[in-house]
Amino acid sequence: MSSDHGQPNPASGKRLRKKRHAHEGAHEEAHQGEGPWIVSYADMMTLLFCFFVILTSFASFDPVVVASKSSKVADHFGNGKEENEEITGLGLEIGGHPNLDGVVKPIMKDGTLELVFSTSLMFSPGEAELEKTFIQNVDIVVGLIKNKNPSYRIIVEGHTDNSPLSTEHYYRSNWELSSARAVSVVERFLYYKFEPKQLVAVGFGDSRPLAPNFDKRGNAVKENQALNRRVVIKVLKPLRSTKIRNLGIETYFDDSEVLEK
């Protein structure tokens, strides 16, 4: 019978209940499906939060340190490139100077200009006083460096071959001789009013040869020995403040910049 008399239809009620149960079941399945990825997401966010908390705890907010790091980043992406180009230009200028032809060999290495001199021209055997005829050549180099930038840092290295010094010489060893020769060149920079804190003189003796002093049979190779006897002037970019490090391995300046408060 139909619902002509206003009585509810049992079949239609059953259909409604089935639809309601199906709808609720779908919601249940949806909620259950969200569970695993929500837990993983929450774990990841918790770990990230802990990670940044640890980073913050290790961070230094000292204004001096922050300013120093910012300056170094700026040098790397901006001014550092200009300074390298300036030093490279200085090397080309020195290498192309008519009075220095065959006297000095400019080499660029990692932003540092190396000026290599043969000590056979600079000094008498076993001596550390610059030859009078060669002082002018050194002074030309010093003048070109100063005209480009008087704030460059300068490291002068003395090198010898492995020939032992005779007892007639004033210096007891090649270490003393190479150091004294480096000092003689540094004194020319001092003469032209370079700041002492910008200058370093160091002697390596025969510990860093460019070529073997002897062949396989133990015979001296004169050409190589002459190549090893050299003075190297290293021109490094200037810093706002510099400190000399104690016994650094080829690093004689502290590159950390201390800003005045």
C-alpha atoms as a PDB file:
ATOM      1  CA  MET A   1       0.000   0.000   0.000  1.00  0.00           C
ATOM      2  CA  SER A   2       1.109   3.538  -0.685  1.00  0.00           C
ATOM      3  CA  SER A   3       1.146   6.247   1.936  1.00  0.00           C
ATOM      4  CA  ASP A   4      -2.286   7.540   0.970  1.00  0.00           C
ATOM      5  CA  HIS A   5      -3.334   7.750   4.613  1.00  0.00           C
ATOM      6  CA  GLY A   6      -0.269   9.657   5.787  1.00  0.00           C
ATOM      7  CA  GLN A   7       1.496   6.607   7.190  1.00  0.00           C
ATOM      8  CA  PRO A   8       5.326   6.513   6.903  1.00  0.00           C
ATOM      9  CA  ASN A   9       6.762   4.184   4.354  1.00  0.00           C
ATOM     10  CA  PRO A  10       9.115   1.669   6.060  1.00  0.00           C
ATOM     11  CA  ALA A  11      11.059   1.044   2.856  1.00  0.00           C
ATOM     12  CA  SER A  12      11.828   4.693   2.384  1.00  0.00           C
ATOM     13  CA  GLY A  13      13.034   4.976   6.001  1.00  0.00           C
ATOM     14  CA  LYS A  14      15.413   2.118   5.450  1.00  0.00           C
ATOM     15  CA  ARG A  15      16.815   3.839   2.363  1.00  0.00           C
ATOM     16  CA  LEU A  16      17.421   7.042   4.331  1.00  0.00           C
ATOM     17  CA  ARG A  17      19.198   5.164   7.110  1.00  0.00           C
ATOM     18  CA  LYS A  18      21.415   3.399   4.583  1.00  0.00           C
ATOM     19  CA  LYS A  19      22.388   6.725   2.957  1.00  0.00           C
ATOM     20  CA  ARG A  20      23.154   8.261   6.363  1.00  0.00           C
ATOM     21  CA  HIS A  21      25.322   5.295   7.393  1.00  0.00           C
ATOM     22  CA  ALA A  22      27.142   5.373   4.056  1.00  0.00           C
ATOM     23  CA  HIS A  23      27.812   9.113   4.410  1.00  0.00           C
ATOM     24  CA  GLU A  24      29.129   8.695   7.957  1.00  0.00           C
ATOM     25  CA  GLY A  25      31.311   5.794   6.832  1.00  0.00           C
ATOM     26  CA  ALA A  26      32.886   7.915   4.123  1.00  0.00           C
ATOM     27  CA  HIS A  27      33.769  10.588   6.705  1.00  0.00           C
ATOM     28  CA  GLU A  28      35.274   7.921   8.932  1.00  0.00           C
ATOM     29  CA  GLU A  29      37.424   6.581   6.112  1.00  0.00           C
ATOM     30  CA  ALA A  30      38.576  10.103   5.219  1.00  0.00           C
ATOM     31  CA  HIS A  31      39.616  10.817   8.799  1.00  0.00           C
ATOM     32  CA  GLN A  32      41.392   7.505   9.064  1.00  0.00           C
ATOM     33  CA  GLY A  33      43.230   8.166   5.754  1.00  0.00           C
ATOM     34  CA  GLU A  34      44.550  11.536   6.993  1.00  0.00           C
ATOM     35  CA  GLY A  35      46.163  10.098  10.080  1.00  0.00           C
ATOM     36  CA  PRO A  36      49.567   8.789   8.819  1.00  0.00           C
ATOM     37  CA  TRP A  37      50.655  11.822   6.806  1.00  0.00           C
ATOM     38  CA  ILE A  38      49.539  14.258   9.488  1.00  0.00           C
ATOM     39  CA  VAL A  39      51.711  12.451  12.053  1.00  0.00           C
ATOM     40  CA  SER A  40      54.722  12.499   9.705  1.00  0.00           C
ATOM     41  CA  TYR A  41      54.148  16.165   8.918  1.00  0.00           C
ATOM     42  CA  ALA A  42      53.906  17.039  12.610  1.00  0.00           C
ATOM     43  CA  ASP A  43      57.112  15.092  13.354  1.00  0.00           C
ATOM     44  CA  MET A  44      58.936  16.901  10.559  1.00  0.00           C
ATOM     45  CA  MET A  45      57.802  20.313  11.777  1.00  0.00           C
ATOM     46  CA  THR A  46      58.860  19.455  15.327  1.00  0.00           C
ATOM     47  CA  LEU A  47      62.318  18.386  14.135  1.00  0.00           C
ATOM     48  CA  LEU A  48      62.707  21.558  12.056  1.00  0.00           C
ATOM     49  CA  PHE A  49      61.715  23.662  15.036  1.00  0.00           C
ATOM     50  CA  CYS A  50      64.296  21.922  17.230  1.00  0.00           C
ATOM     51  CA  PHE A  51      66.935  22.316  14.509  1.00  0.00           C
ATOM     52  CA  PHE A  52      66.449  26.077  14.280  1.00  0.00           C
ATOM     53  CA  VAL A  53      66.409  26.398  18.055  1.00  0.00           C
ATOM     54  CA  ILE A  54      69.818  24.685  18.157  1.00  0.00           C
ATOM     55  CA  LEU A  55      71.147  26.905  15.365  1.00  0.00           C
ATOM     56  CA  THR A  56      69.981  29.974  17.248  1.00  0.00           C
ATOM     57  CA  SER A  57      71.648  28.785  20.434  1.00  0.00           C
ATOM     58  CA  PHE A  58      74.985  28.455  18.596  1.00  0.00           C
ATOM     59  CA  ALA A  59      74.659  31.744  16.733  1.00  0.00           C
ATOM     60  CA  SER A  60      76.743  34.746  17.785  1.00  0.00           C
ATOM     61  CA  PHE A  61      75.074  38.132  17.785  1.00  0.00           C
ATOM     62  CA  ASP A  62      78.184  40.030  18.750  1.00  0.00           C
ATOM     63  CA  PRO A  63      78.082  43.166  16.542  1.00  0.00           C
ATOM     64  CA  VAL A  64      81.827  43.003  15.892  1.00  0.00           C
ATOM     65  CA  VAL A  65      81.587  39.418  14.593  1.00  0.00           C
ATOM     66  CA  VAL A  66      78.507  40.179  12.511  1.00  0.00           C
ATOM     67  CA  ALA A  67      80.185  43.213  10.947  1.00  0.00           C
ATOM     68  CA  SER A  68      83.317  41.189  10.183  1.00  0.00           C
ATOM     69  CA  LYS A  69      81.382  38.370   8.497  1.00  0.00           C
ATOM     70  CA  SER A  70      79.296  40.834   6.502  1.00  0.00           C
ATOM     71  CA  SER A  71      82.437  42.579   5.309  1.00  0.00           C
ATOM     72  CA  LYS A  72      84.002  39.301   4.158  1.00  0.00           C
ATOM     73  CA  VAL A  73      80.854  38.334   2.251  1.00  0.00           C
ATOM     74  CA  ALA A  74      80.839  41.751   0.590  1.00  0.00           C
ATOM     75  CA  ASP A  75      84.509  41.351  -0.348  1.00  0.00           C
ATOM     76  CA  HIS A  76      83.800  37.972  -1.894  1.00  0.00           C
ATOM     77  CA  PHE A  77      80.929  39.154  -4.061  1.00  0.00           C
ATOM     78  CA  GLY A  78      81.978  42.728  -4.721  1.00  0.00           C
ATOM     79  CA  ASN A  79      85.130  44.513  -3.697  1.00  0.00           C
ATOM     80  CA  GLY A  80      87.253  41.341  -3.732  1.00  0.00           C
ATOM     81  CA  LYS A  81      86.891  41.077  -7.496  1.00  0.00           C
ATOM     82  CA  GLU A  82      87.930  44.705  -7.973  1.00  0.00           C
ATOM     83  CA  GLU A  83      90.953  44.231  -5.714  1.00  0.00           C
ATOM     84  CA  ASN A  84      92.043  41.146  -7.676  1.00  0.00           C
ATOM     85  CA  GLU A  85      91.768  43.095 -10.916  1.00  0.00           C
ATOM     86  CA  GLU A  86      93.801  45.906  -9.366  1.00  0.00           C
ATOM     87  CA  ILE A  87      96.577  43.531  -8.256  1.00  0.00           C
ATOM     88  CA  THR A  88      96.544  41.838 -11.669  1.00  0.00           C
ATOM     89  CA  GLY A  89      96.919  45.258 -13.294  1.00  0.00           C
ATOM     90  CA  LEU A  90      99.863  45.977 -11.016  1.00  0.00           C
ATOM     91  CA  GLY A  91     101.555  42.763 -12.150  1.00  0.00           C
ATOM     92  CA  LEU A  92     101.082  43.702 -15.807  1.00  0.00           C
ATOM     93  CA  GLU A  93     102.477  47.168 -15.126  1.00  0.00           C
ATOM     94  CA  ILE A  94     105.576  45.782 -13.398  1.00  0.00           C
ATOM     95  CA  GLY A  95     106.098  43.102 -16.049  1.00  0.00           C
ATOM     96  CA  GLY A  96     105.824  45.671 -18.839  1.00  0.00           C
ATOM     97  CA  HIS A  97     108.144  48.273 -17.320  1.00  0.00           C
ATOM     98  CA  PRO A  98     111.127  48.800 -19.677  1.00  0.00           C
ATOM     99  CA  ASN A  99     113.684  48.965 -16.852  1.00  0.00           C
ATOM    100  CA  LEU A 100     112.449  45.683 -15.354  1.00  0.00           C
ATOM    101  CA  ASP A 101     112.618  43.543 -18.473  1.00  0.00           C
ATOM    102  CA  GLY A 102     114.408  40.302 -17.564  1.00  0.00           C
ATOM    103  CA  VAL A 103     114.736  41.454 -13.942  1.00  0.00           C
ATOM    104  CA  VAL A 104     111.479  40.330 -12.312  1.00  0.00           C
ATOM    105  CA  LYS A 105     108.852  37.721 -13.174  1.00  0.00           C
ATOM    106  CA  PRO A 106     105.268  38.568 -12.056  1.00  0.00           C
ATOM    107  CA  ILE A 107     103.009  35.591 -11.222  1.00  0.00           C
ATOM    108  CA  MET A 108      99.361  35.696 -10.053  1.00  0.00           C
ATOM    109  CA  LYS A 109      98.297  33.010  -7.558  1.00  0.00           C
ATOM    110  CA  ASP A 110      94.871  33.030  -5.888  1.00  0.00           C
ATOM    111  CA  GLY A 111      94.564  36.802  -5.753  1.00  0.00           C
ATOM    112  CA  THR A 112      98.188  37.305  -4.663  1.00  0.00           C
ATOM    113  CA  LEU A 113     100.849  38.865  -6.867  1.00  0.00           C
ATOM    114  CA  GLU A 114     104.256  37.160  -6.631  1.00  0.00           C
ATOM    115  CA  LEU A 115     107.286  39.034  -7.963  1.00  0.00           C
ATOM    116  CA  VAL A 116     110.210  36.661  -8.437  1.00  0.00           C
ATOM    117  CA  PHE A 117     113.782  38.049  -8.553  1.00  0.00           C
ATOM    118  CA  SER A 118     116.964  36.101  -9.179  1.00  0.00           C
ATOM    119  CA  THR A 119     119.401  36.727  -6.341  1.00  0.00           C
ATOM    120  CA  SER A 120     122.265  36.203  -8.771  1.00  0.00           C
ATOM    121  CA  LEU A 121     121.524  39.736  -9.951  1.00  0.00           C
ATOM    122  CA  MET A 122     120.626  41.187  -6.562  1.00  0.00           C
ATOM    123  CA  PHE A 123     123.457  40.009  -4.299  1.00  0.00           C
ATOM    124  CA  SER A 124     127.049  38.904  -4.419  1.00  0.00           C
ATOM    125  CA  PRO A 125     127.610  35.231  -3.464  1.00  0.00           C
ATOM    126  CA  GLY A 126     127.145  34.733   0.267  1.00  0.00           C
ATOM    127  CA  GLU A 127     126.187  38.402   0.792  1.00  0.00           C
ATOM    128  CA  ALA A 128     122.895  40.029   1.830  1.00  0.00           C
ATOM    129  CA  GLU A 129     123.532  43.650   0.897  1.00  0.00           C
ATOM    130  CA  LEU A 130     121.754  44.716  -2.292  1.00  0.00           C
ATOM    131  CA  GLU A 131     124.056  45.444  -5.212  1.00  0.00           C
ATOM    132  CA  LYS A 132     124.159  49.188  -5.811  1.00  0.00           C
ATOM    133  CA  THR A 133     123.325  48.689  -9.468  1.00  0.00           C
ATOM    134  CA  PHE A 134     120.224  46.704  -8.507  1.00  0.00           C
ATOM    135  CA  ILE A 135     118.792  48.995  -5.815  1.00  0.00           C
ATOM    136  CA  GLN A 136     117.173  51.112  -8.507  1.00  0.00           C
ATOM    137  CA  ASN A 137     115.279  48.097  -9.848  1.00  0.00           C
ATOM    138  CA  VAL A 138     113.896  47.264  -6.411  1.00  0.00           C
ATOM    139  CA  ASP A 139     112.973  50.896  -5.849  1.00  0.00           C
ATOM    140  CA  ILE A 140     111.043  50.993  -9.138  1.00  0.00           C
ATOM    141  CA  VAL A 141     108.997  47.977  -7.998  1.00  0.00           C
ATOM    142  CA  VAL A 142     108.406  49.486  -4.557  1.00  0.00           C
ATOM    143  CA  GLY A 143     107.343  52.776  -6.154  1.00  0.00           C
ATOM    144  CA  LEU A 144     104.885  51.083  -8.530  1.00  0.00           C
ATOM    145  CA  ILE A 145     103.331  49.149  -5.634  1.00  0.00           C
ATOM    146  CA  LYS A 146     103.005  52.291  -3.532  1.00  0.00           C
ATOM    147  CA  ASN A 147     101.475  54.290  -6.394  1.00  0.00           C
ATOM    148  CA  LYS A 148      98.870  51.580  -6.924  1.00  0.00           C
ATOM    149  CA  ASN A 149      97.958  51.206  -3.251  1.00  0.00           C
ATOM    150  CA  PRO A 150     100.213  52.050  -0.269  1.00  0.00           C
ATOM    151  CA  SER A 151      98.077  49.776   1.953  1.00  0.00           C
ATOM    152  CA  TYR A 152      99.049  46.526   0.280  1.00  0.00           C
ATOM    153  CA  ARG A 153     100.526  43.911   2.626  1.00  0.00           C
ATOM    154  CA  ILE A 154     103.975  42.726   1.620  1.00  0.00           C
ATOM    155  CA  ILE A 155     105.712  39.413   2.350  1.00  0.00           C
ATOM    156  CA  VAL A 156     109.327  39.124   1.198  1.00  0.00           C
ATOM    157  CA  GLU A 157     110.740  35.593   0.995  1.00  0.00           C
ATOM    158  CA  GLY A 158     114.415  34.731   0.680  1.00  0.00           C
ATOM    159  CA  HIS A 159     115.483  31.419  -0.912  1.00  0.00           C
ATOM    160  CA  THR A 160     118.914  29.864  -1.551  1.00  0.00           C
ATOM    161  CA  ASP A 161     120.226  26.741  -3.226  1.00  0.00           C
ATOM    162  CA  ASN A 162     121.684  23.927  -1.128  1.00  0.00           C
ATOM    163  CA  SER A 163     125.330  24.893  -1.517  1.00  0.00           C
ATOM    164  CA  PRO A 164     126.915  25.190   1.956  1.00  0.00           C
ATOM    165  CA  LEU A 165     128.450  28.519   2.892  1.00  0.00           C
ATOM    166  CA  SER A 166     132.193  28.663   3.384  1.00  0.00           C
ATOM    167  CA  THR A 167     133.686  29.785   6.671  1.00  0.00           C
ATOM    168  CA  GLU A 168     134.776  33.003   4.969  1.00  0.00           C
ATOM    169  CA  HIS A 169     131.187  34.216   4.774  1.00  0.00           C
ATOM    170  CA  TYR A 170     129.589  36.231   7.547  1.00  0.00           C
ATOM    171  CA  TYR A 171     126.430  34.115   7.685  1.00  0.00           C
ATOM    172  CA  ARG A 172     126.557  30.704   9.328  1.00  0.00           C
ATOM    173  CA  SER A 173     123.870  29.019   7.204  1.00  0.00           C
ATOM    174  CA  ASN A 174     121.585  29.422   4.226  1.00  0.00           C
ATOM    175  CA  TRP A 175     118.771  30.087   6.680  1.00  0.00           C
ATOM    176  CA  GLU A 176     120.543  33.186   7.975  1.00  0.00           C
ATOM    177  CA  LEU A 177     121.545  34.284   4.482  1.00  0.00           C
ATOM    178  CA  SER A 178     118.038  33.963   3.011  1.00  0.00           C
ATOM    179  CA  SER A 179     116.512  35.798   5.973  1.00  0.00           C
ATOM    180  CA  ALA A 180     119.044  38.627   5.760  1.00  0.00           C
ATOM    181  CA  ARG A 181     118.378  39.046   2.041  1.00  0.00           C
ATOM    182  CA  ALA A 182     114.629  39.255   2.668  1.00  0.00           C
ATOM    183  CA  VAL A 183     115.250  41.929   5.299  1.00  0.00           C
ATOM    184  CA  SER A 184     117.381  43.949   2.851  1.00  0.00           C
ATOM    185  CA  VAL A 185     114.418  44.129   0.462  1.00  0.00           C
ATOM    186  CA  VAL A 186     111.929  44.940   3.247  1.00  0.00           C
ATOM    187  CA  GLU A 187     114.135  47.864   4.240  1.00  0.00           C
ATOM    188  CA  ARG A 188     113.506  49.441   0.827  1.00  0.00           C
ATOM    189  CA  PHE A 189     109.772  49.370   1.589  1.00  0.00           C
ATOM    190  CA  LEU A 190     110.456  50.998   4.946  1.00  0.00           C
ATOM    191  CA  TYR A 191     112.561  53.623   3.192  1.00  0.00           C
ATOM    192  CA  TYR A 192     109.516  54.527   1.105  1.00  0.00           C
ATOM    193  CA  LYS A 193     107.368  54.874   4.228  1.00  0.00           C
ATOM    194  CA  PHE A 194     105.403  51.641   4.173  1.00  0.00           C
ATOM    195  CA  GLU A 195     103.870  50.822   7.556  1.00  0.00           C
ATOM    196  CA  PRO A 196     105.949  48.211   9.417  1.00  0.00           C
ATOM    197  CA  LYS A 197     102.797  46.244  10.309  1.00  0.00           C
ATOM    198  CA  GLN A 198     102.229  45.669   6.575  1.00  0.00           C
ATOM    199  CA  LEU A 199     105.632  44.049   6.087  1.00  0.00           C
ATOM    200  CA  VAL A 200     107.000  40.558   6.750  1.00  0.00           C
ATOM    201  CA  ALA A 201     110.485  39.203   5.969  1.00  0.00           C
ATOM    202  CA  VAL A 202     111.060  35.455   6.039  1.00  0.00           C
ATOM    203  CA  GLY A 203     113.923  33.176   5.018  1.00  0.00           C
ATOM    204  CA  PHE A 204     113.409  29.623   3.773  1.00  0.00           C
ATOM    205  CA  GLY A 205     117.018  28.705   3.097  1.00  0.00           C
ATOM    206  CA  ASP A 206     117.125  25.828   0.599  1.00  0.00           C
ATOM    207  CA  SER A 207     113.962  24.150   1.950  1.00  0.00           C
ATOM    208  CA  ARG A 208     111.708  25.091  -0.971  1.00  0.00           C
ATOM    209  CA  PRO A 209     113.540  24.622  -4.254  1.00  0.00           C
ATOM    210  CA  LEU A 210     111.765  25.216  -7.548  1.00  0.00           C
ATOM    211  CA  ALA A 211     113.848  22.518  -9.230  1.00  0.00           C
ATOM    212  CA  PRO A 212     116.165  19.720  -7.998  1.00  0.00           C
ATOM    213  CA  ASN A 213     119.593  20.999  -7.045  1.00  0.00           C
ATOM    214  CA  PHE A 214     121.174  17.665  -8.027  1.00  0.00           C
ATOM    215  CA  ASP A 215     120.560  15.180 -10.794  1.00  0.00           C
ATOM    216  CA  LYS A 216     120.026  11.445 -10.218  1.00  0.00           C
ATOM    217  CA  ARG A 217     123.776  10.851 -10.097  1.00  0.00           C
ATOM    218  CA  GLY A 218     124.267  13.433  -7.345  1.00  0.00           C
ATOM    219  CA  ASN A 219     125.847  16.050  -9.566  1.00  0.00           C
ATOM    220  CA  ALA A 220     124.936  19.697  -9.040  1.00  0.00           C
ATOM    221  CA  VAL A 221     122.662  21.189 -11.697  1.00  0.00           C
ATOM    222  CA  LYS A 222     123.916  24.758 -12.013  1.00  0.00           C
ATOM    223  CA  GLU A 223     120.869  26.009 -13.917  1.00  0.00           C
ATOM    224  CA  ASN A 224     118.501  24.672 -11.256  1.00  0.00           C
ATOM    225  CA  GLN A 225     120.593  26.062  -8.425  1.00  0.00           C
ATOM    226  CA  ALA A 226     120.503  29.495 -10.056  1.00  0.00           C
ATOM    227  CA  LEU A 227     116.713  29.151 -10.370  1.00  0.00           C
ATOM    228  CA  ASN A 228     116.384  28.269  -6.687  1.00  0.00           C
ATOM    229  CA  ARG A 229     118.398  31.297  -5.559  1.00  0.00           C
ATOM    230  CA  ARG A 230     115.643  33.898  -5.534  1.00  0.00           C
ATOM    231  CA  VAL A 231     113.759  36.565  -3.635  1.00  0.00           C
ATOM    232  CA  VAL A 232     109.967  36.621  -3.888  1.00  0.00           C
ATOM    233  CA  ILE A 233     107.913  39.714  -3.075  1.00  0.00           C
ATOM    234  CA  LYS A 234     104.299  38.751  -2.396  1.00  0.00           C
ATOM    235  CA  VAL A 235     101.717  41.529  -2.691  1.00  0.00           C
ATOM    236  CA  LEU A 236      98.497  40.823  -0.791  1.00  0.00           C
ATOM    237  CA  LYS A 237      95.306  42.854  -0.751  1.00  0.00           C
ATOM    238  CA  PRO A 238      94.987  45.410   2.059  1.00  0.00           C
ATOM    239  CA  LEU A 239      92.712  45.070   5.071  1.00  0.00           C
ATOM    240  CA  ARG A 240      91.274  47.704   7.356  1.00  0.00           C
ATOM    241  CA  SER A 241      93.339  46.296  10.181  1.00  0.00           C
ATOM    242  CA  THR A 242      96.007  43.618  10.234  1.00  0.00           C
ATOM    243  CA  LYS A 243      97.780  41.595  12.863  1.00  0.00           C
ATOM    244  CA  ILE A 244     100.893  39.507  12.482  1.00  0.00           C
ATOM    245  CA  ARG A 245     100.343  35.872  13.366  1.00  0.00           C
ATOM    246  CA  ASN A 246     102.945  33.967  15.328  1.00  0.00           C
ATOM    247  CA  LEU A 247     104.568  31.130  13.371  1.00  0.00           C
ATOM    248  CA  GLY A 248     101.724  30.749  10.872  1.00  0.00           C
ATOM    249  CA  ILE A 249     102.447  28.347   8.027  1.00  0.00           C
ATOM    250  CA  GLU A 250     102.818  30.798   5.147  1.00  0.00           C
ATOM    251  CA  THR A 251     100.090  32.897   6.754  1.00  0.00           C
ATOM    252  CA  TYR A 252     101.580  35.882   8.516  1.00  0.00           C
ATOM    253  CA  PHE A 253      98.548  38.117   8.787  1.00  0.00           C
ATOM    254  CA  ASP A 254      95.336  37.676  10.732  1.00  0.00           C
ATOM    255  CA  ASP A 255      92.547  38.425   8.286  1.00  0.00           C
ATOM    256  CA  SER A 256      89.958  39.041  11.019  1.00  0.00           C
ATOM    257  CA  GLU A 257      88.978  42.683  11.049  1.00  0.00           C
ATOM    258  CA  VAL A 258      88.613  44.266  14.473  1.00  0.00           C
ATOM    259  CA  LEU A 259      86.304  47.245  14.249  1.00  0.00           C
ATOM    260  CA  GLU A 260      86.748  50.096  16.656  1.00  0.00           C
ATOM    261  CA  LYS A 261      83.852  50.579  19.055  1.00  0.00           C
END
